Amino acid sequence: MLLALDTSTLTLSLALVERQGEDVRAVEHVVVPPPDKQSEALPGVVGDLLQRHGLKLKDLEGLAVGLGPGSFTGLRIGLATVKALAYATGLKVAGASSLAAVALEGPEGVPLFCLAVARKDDLYLGAYRRVGHAVEALAPETAMSPEEVAQRMAAEPEAVALGPALADYRQALEKCGVAPHRLLSGPAFPSAVEVGRLARLPEAYSREALFALEPHYVRASEPERNPKFPPLPGPVPTARLKED
């Protein structure tokens, strides 16, 4: 049994999934849309979900978390929660791309351009191909404008787009020349069920691996991009373990 979550958008997706080899079954999927704050809702939702199925954290095989790209705040909330639970219980943890989780809900046989909002007029793009219950990456995840997304789709006429960003940017992409039938409906957020399907738990719990797990931001945050606040001198920050 695996507890999976994704907080890369404003919608919290939380799922209890059962894995038997490559087979994954959703035991229950909980969705908490805005305006509820994820930081306030997440602890209670996790506890309620486990209680409904007569489970405690120690009964789980591990935890899975969507690593983004997506909301910087949301990703920090999700990963901080998972790390705290794993550190307290010794559960194994694995991360998976939130855009790859979106791709698992797309059609097979065509390039899938999975889109999420990065900021105003800036979209995250993950290019994938779905093969059954798995996906293969066609290119590194990146961020680009709607115009650049349209240009890339024009260069790959078989590709279709899907994902959370289409709720706000469908019309913009159509104005840039993307045919409406190439802009699929749904999913509106990455599903924790698909995150659980993608995640591959390590053989054993490791504090080093746990602390090294980081969100996939793709681009710098707004404070990092602000020229008034240049990067501080010194080594690049990395996950560290305190000496016992």
Protein backbone atom coordinates (compact mmCIF):
# COMPACT_ATOMS: atom_id res chain seq x y z
CA MET A 1 0.00 0.00 0.00
CA LEU A 2 1.33 3.40 -1.01
CA LEU A 3 0.26 6.93 -0.07
CA ALA A 4 0.74 9.34 -2.99
CA LEU A 5 0.15 13.06 -3.32
CA ASP A 6 0.60 15.93 -5.74
CA THR A 7 0.56 19.62 -4.78
CA SER A 8 2.03 21.09 -7.97
CA THR A 9 -1.20 23.00 -8.73
CA LEU A 10 -3.72 24.74 -6.47
CA THR A 11 -5.63 21.44 -6.29
CA LEU A 12 -4.44 18.88 -3.75
CA SER A 13 -4.56 15.32 -5.07
CA LEU A 14 -4.09 12.55 -2.52
CA ALA A 15 -4.46 8.83 -3.12
CA LEU A 16 -4.11 5.52 -1.40
CA VAL A 17 -2.95 3.02 -4.01
CA GLU A 18 -2.24 -0.68 -3.87
CA ARG A 19 0.66 -2.01 -5.92
CA GLN A 20 1.19 -5.62 -6.89
CA GLY A 21 4.16 -5.75 -9.23
CA GLU A 22 3.33 -3.48 -12.15
CA ASP A 23 -0.39 -3.46 -11.36
CA VAL A 24 -1.64 -0.38 -9.51
CA ARG A 25 -5.14 -0.08 -8.07
CA ALA A 26 -6.57 3.13 -6.63
CA VAL A 27 -8.08 2.32 -3.23
CA GLU A 28 -9.31 5.89 -2.79
CA HIS A 29 -8.55 9.22 -4.46
CA VAL A 30 -9.20 12.46 -2.56
CA VAL A 31 -9.27 15.85 -4.30
CA VAL A 32 -9.21 19.15 -2.39
CA PRO A 33 -9.71 22.09 -4.78
CA PRO A 34 -9.08 25.77 -4.01
CA PRO A 35 -9.80 27.95 -2.12
CA ASP A 36 -8.77 25.50 0.62
CA LYS A 37 -5.11 25.98 1.49
CA GLN A 38 -3.03 22.87 0.96
CA SER A 39 -0.82 23.55 3.99
CA GLU A 40 -3.89 23.58 6.24
CA ALA A 41 -5.81 20.76 4.56
CA LEU A 42 -3.04 18.23 3.94
CA PRO A 43 -2.35 16.87 7.47
CA GLY A 44 -6.02 16.33 8.24
CA VAL A 45 -6.81 14.82 4.84
CA VAL A 46 -3.95 12.32 5.19
CA GLY A 47 -5.11 11.26 8.64
CA ASP A 48 -8.75 10.93 7.57
CA LEU A 49 -7.85 8.89 4.48
CA LEU A 50 -5.80 6.39 6.47
CA GLN A 51 -8.39 6.16 9.24
CA ARG A 52 -11.19 5.36 6.77
CA HIS A 53 -9.25 2.28 5.66
CA GLY A 54 -8.09 1.21 9.12
CA LEU A 55 -4.48 2.04 8.35
CA LYS A 56 -1.62 3.82 10.08
CA LEU A 57 1.48 5.24 8.46
CA LYS A 58 3.53 2.27 9.67
CA ASP A 59 1.27 -0.04 7.63
CA LEU A 60 2.34 1.58 4.34
CA GLU A 61 5.14 0.43 2.08
CA GLY A 62 6.11 4.00 1.27
CA LEU A 63 5.20 7.49 0.09
CA ALA A 64 5.13 8.98 -3.40
CA VAL A 65 5.14 12.68 -4.23
CA GLY A 66 4.78 14.76 -7.39
CA LEU A 67 7.97 16.78 -7.91
CA GLY A 68 6.54 19.30 -10.35
CA PRO A 69 7.19 21.45 -12.18
CA GLY A 70 4.43 23.66 -10.87
CA SER A 71 3.63 26.00 -8.01
CA PHE A 72 6.80 26.68 -6.02
CA THR A 73 4.83 27.01 -2.77
CA GLY A 74 2.74 23.93 -3.47
CA LEU A 75 5.77 21.79 -4.26
CA ARG A 76 7.49 22.85 -1.06
CA ILE A 77 4.38 22.02 0.97
CA GLY A 78 4.01 18.57 -0.57
CA LEU A 79 7.65 17.60 -0.32
CA ALA A 80 8.08 18.99 3.20
CA THR A 81 5.07 16.98 4.36
CA VAL A 82 6.33 13.77 2.77
CA LYS A 83 9.85 14.24 4.15
CA ALA A 84 8.54 14.88 7.65
CA LEU A 85 6.33 11.77 7.58
CA ALA A 86 9.13 9.62 6.17
CA TYR A 87 11.71 10.92 8.64
CA ALA A 88 9.38 10.21 11.57
CA THR A 89 8.39 6.72 10.45
CA GLY A 90 11.29 5.42 8.34
CA LEU A 91 9.05 4.97 5.28
CA LYS A 92 10.63 4.83 1.84
CA VAL A 93 9.94 7.79 -0.46
CA ALA A 94 9.97 8.24 -4.24
CA GLY A 95 9.22 11.23 -6.43
CA ALA A 96 7.79 11.44 -9.94
CA SER A 97 7.27 14.20 -12.48
CA SER A 98 3.87 15.85 -12.18
CA LEU A 99 3.79 16.40 -15.96
CA ALA A 100 4.57 12.74 -16.56
CA ALA A 101 1.57 11.93 -14.37
CA VAL A 102 -0.55 14.11 -16.67
CA ALA A 103 0.81 12.20 -19.67
CA LEU A 104 -0.44 8.92 -18.19
CA GLU A 105 -3.99 10.23 -18.71
CA GLY A 106 -3.37 11.08 -22.36
CA PRO A 107 -3.85 8.94 -25.47
CA GLU A 108 -1.27 6.44 -26.65
CA GLY A 109 0.69 6.62 -29.88
CA VAL A 110 1.13 10.38 -30.22
CA PRO A 111 3.49 12.96 -28.69
CA LEU A 112 1.87 14.48 -25.61
CA PHE A 113 2.68 18.10 -24.75
CA CYS A 114 1.74 18.31 -21.07
CA LEU A 115 1.27 21.91 -19.96
CA ALA A 116 1.09 23.62 -16.57
CA VAL A 117 1.16 27.30 -15.67
CA ALA A 118 4.55 28.64 -14.61
CA ARG A 119 3.56 32.31 -14.35
CA LYS A 120 1.68 34.80 -16.51
CA ASP A 121 2.30 33.97 -20.19
CA ASP A 122 4.85 31.33 -19.24
CA LEU A 123 4.06 27.61 -19.38
CA TYR A 124 5.82 24.47 -18.25
CA LEU A 125 6.01 21.88 -20.99
CA GLY A 126 6.79 18.19 -20.68
CA ALA A 127 6.91 16.20 -23.92
CA TYR A 128 6.03 12.54 -23.39
CA ARG A 129 4.66 9.47 -25.11
CA ARG A 130 2.41 7.09 -23.22
CA VAL A 131 3.08 3.39 -23.58
CA GLY A 132 0.45 1.47 -21.63
CA HIS A 133 0.84 2.38 -17.95
CA ALA A 134 4.24 3.98 -18.50
CA VAL A 135 5.58 7.08 -20.23
CA GLU A 136 8.77 7.87 -22.08
CA ALA A 137 10.23 11.38 -22.15
CA LEU A 138 10.71 12.86 -25.61
CA ALA A 139 12.64 15.92 -24.40
CA PRO A 140 13.65 17.56 -21.10
CA GLU A 141 10.91 19.49 -19.32
CA THR A 142 11.15 23.22 -19.93
CA ALA A 143 9.27 26.52 -19.71
CA MET A 144 8.20 28.64 -22.68
CA SER A 145 5.61 31.16 -23.83
CA PRO A 146 2.29 30.15 -25.46
CA GLU A 147 3.70 31.39 -28.77
CA GLU A 148 6.70 29.09 -28.42
CA VAL A 149 4.44 26.17 -27.50
CA ALA A 150 2.41 26.82 -30.66
CA GLN A 151 5.58 26.92 -32.76
CA ARG A 152 6.75 23.63 -31.30
CA MET A 153 3.38 22.03 -31.98
CA ALA A 154 3.53 23.28 -35.56
CA ALA A 155 6.86 21.50 -35.92
CA GLU A 156 5.33 18.27 -34.59
CA PRO A 157 1.94 17.97 -36.35
CA GLU A 158 1.01 14.72 -34.58
CA ALA A 159 1.42 16.18 -31.10
CA VAL A 160 -1.54 17.04 -28.88
CA ALA A 161 -1.57 19.23 -25.76
CA LEU A 162 -3.22 18.56 -22.42
CA GLY A 163 -2.92 19.52 -18.80
CA PRO A 164 -3.79 22.15 -16.18
CA ALA A 165 -2.63 25.15 -18.25
CA LEU A 166 -5.34 24.67 -20.89
CA ALA A 167 -8.02 25.97 -18.52
CA ASP A 168 -6.47 29.44 -18.87
CA TYR A 169 -4.46 29.25 -22.11
CA ARG A 170 -6.63 27.31 -24.56
CA GLN A 171 -7.80 30.46 -26.35
CA ALA A 172 -4.28 31.91 -26.41
CA LEU A 173 -2.92 28.77 -28.06
CA GLU A 174 -5.76 28.75 -30.59
CA LYS A 175 -4.99 32.38 -31.44
CA CYS A 176 -1.39 31.31 -32.03
CA GLY A 177 -2.60 28.83 -34.65
CA VAL A 178 -3.06 25.56 -32.72
CA ALA A 179 -6.12 23.70 -34.02
CA PRO A 180 -8.80 23.23 -31.32
CA HIS A 181 -8.89 19.43 -31.78
CA ARG A 182 -5.23 19.25 -30.75
CA LEU A 183 -6.02 20.80 -27.34
CA LEU A 184 -7.49 17.98 -25.26
CA SER A 185 -9.86 18.36 -22.34
CA GLY A 186 -8.47 17.32 -18.95
CA PRO A 187 -6.81 16.45 -16.75
CA ALA A 188 -7.19 19.65 -14.74
CA PHE A 189 -4.44 18.63 -12.30
CA PRO A 190 -1.85 15.86 -11.93
CA SER A 191 -3.44 12.83 -10.30
CA ALA A 192 -1.84 11.33 -7.21
CA VAL A 193 -2.96 7.93 -8.51
CA GLU A 194 -0.70 8.37 -11.55
CA VAL A 195 2.12 9.71 -9.35
CA GLY A 196 1.83 6.49 -7.37
CA ARG A 197 1.90 4.51 -10.60
CA LEU A 198 5.10 6.22 -11.76
CA ALA A 199 6.99 6.27 -8.46
CA ARG A 200 9.68 3.64 -7.92
CA LEU A 201 10.51 3.18 -4.26
CA PRO A 202 14.13 2.52 -3.29
CA GLU A 203 15.12 -0.84 -1.87
CA ALA A 204 15.49 0.58 1.62
CA TYR A 205 14.95 3.78 3.59
CA SER A 206 17.86 6.21 3.37
CA ARG A 207 18.10 9.57 5.13
CA GLU A 208 20.63 10.73 2.55
CA ALA A 209 18.28 9.95 -0.33
CA LEU A 210 15.33 11.45 1.53
CA PHE A 211 17.04 14.78 2.22
CA ALA A 212 18.44 14.94 -1.33
CA LEU A 213 14.98 14.66 -2.90
CA GLU A 214 14.11 18.07 -4.32
CA PRO A 215 11.29 19.59 -6.40
CA HIS A 216 11.80 19.97 -10.14
CA TYR A 217 11.46 23.74 -10.46
CA VAL A 218 12.70 23.98 -14.11
CA ARG A 219 13.19 27.73 -13.81
CA ALA A 220 14.37 30.14 -11.13
CA SER A 221 11.89 31.63 -8.67
CA GLU A 222 10.89 35.30 -8.86
CA PRO A 223 13.22 36.33 -5.97
CA GLU A 224 16.11 34.54 -7.71
CA ARG A 225 15.33 36.40 -10.94
CA ASN A 226 15.25 39.81 -9.21
CA PRO A 227 18.42 41.73 -10.17
CA LYS A 228 18.23 43.65 -6.88
CA PHE A 229 19.02 40.41 -5.04
CA PRO A 230 21.97 38.70 -6.77
CA PRO A 231 22.99 35.20 -5.65
CA LEU A 232 25.05 35.13 -2.49
CA PRO A 233 28.70 34.10 -2.82
CA GLY A 234 29.75 30.68 -1.70
CA PRO A 235 28.98 27.07 -2.53
CA VAL A 236 25.70 26.07 -4.17
CA PRO A 237 23.23 24.96 -1.47
CA THR A 238 22.69 21.18 -1.33
CA ALA A 239 20.84 18.85 0.98
CA ARG A 240 23.00 18.11 4.01
CA LEU A 241 22.92 15.72 6.91
CA LYS A 242 23.81 16.93 10.36
CA GLU A 243 26.48 14.96 12.10
CA ASP A 244 25.03 12.73 14.83
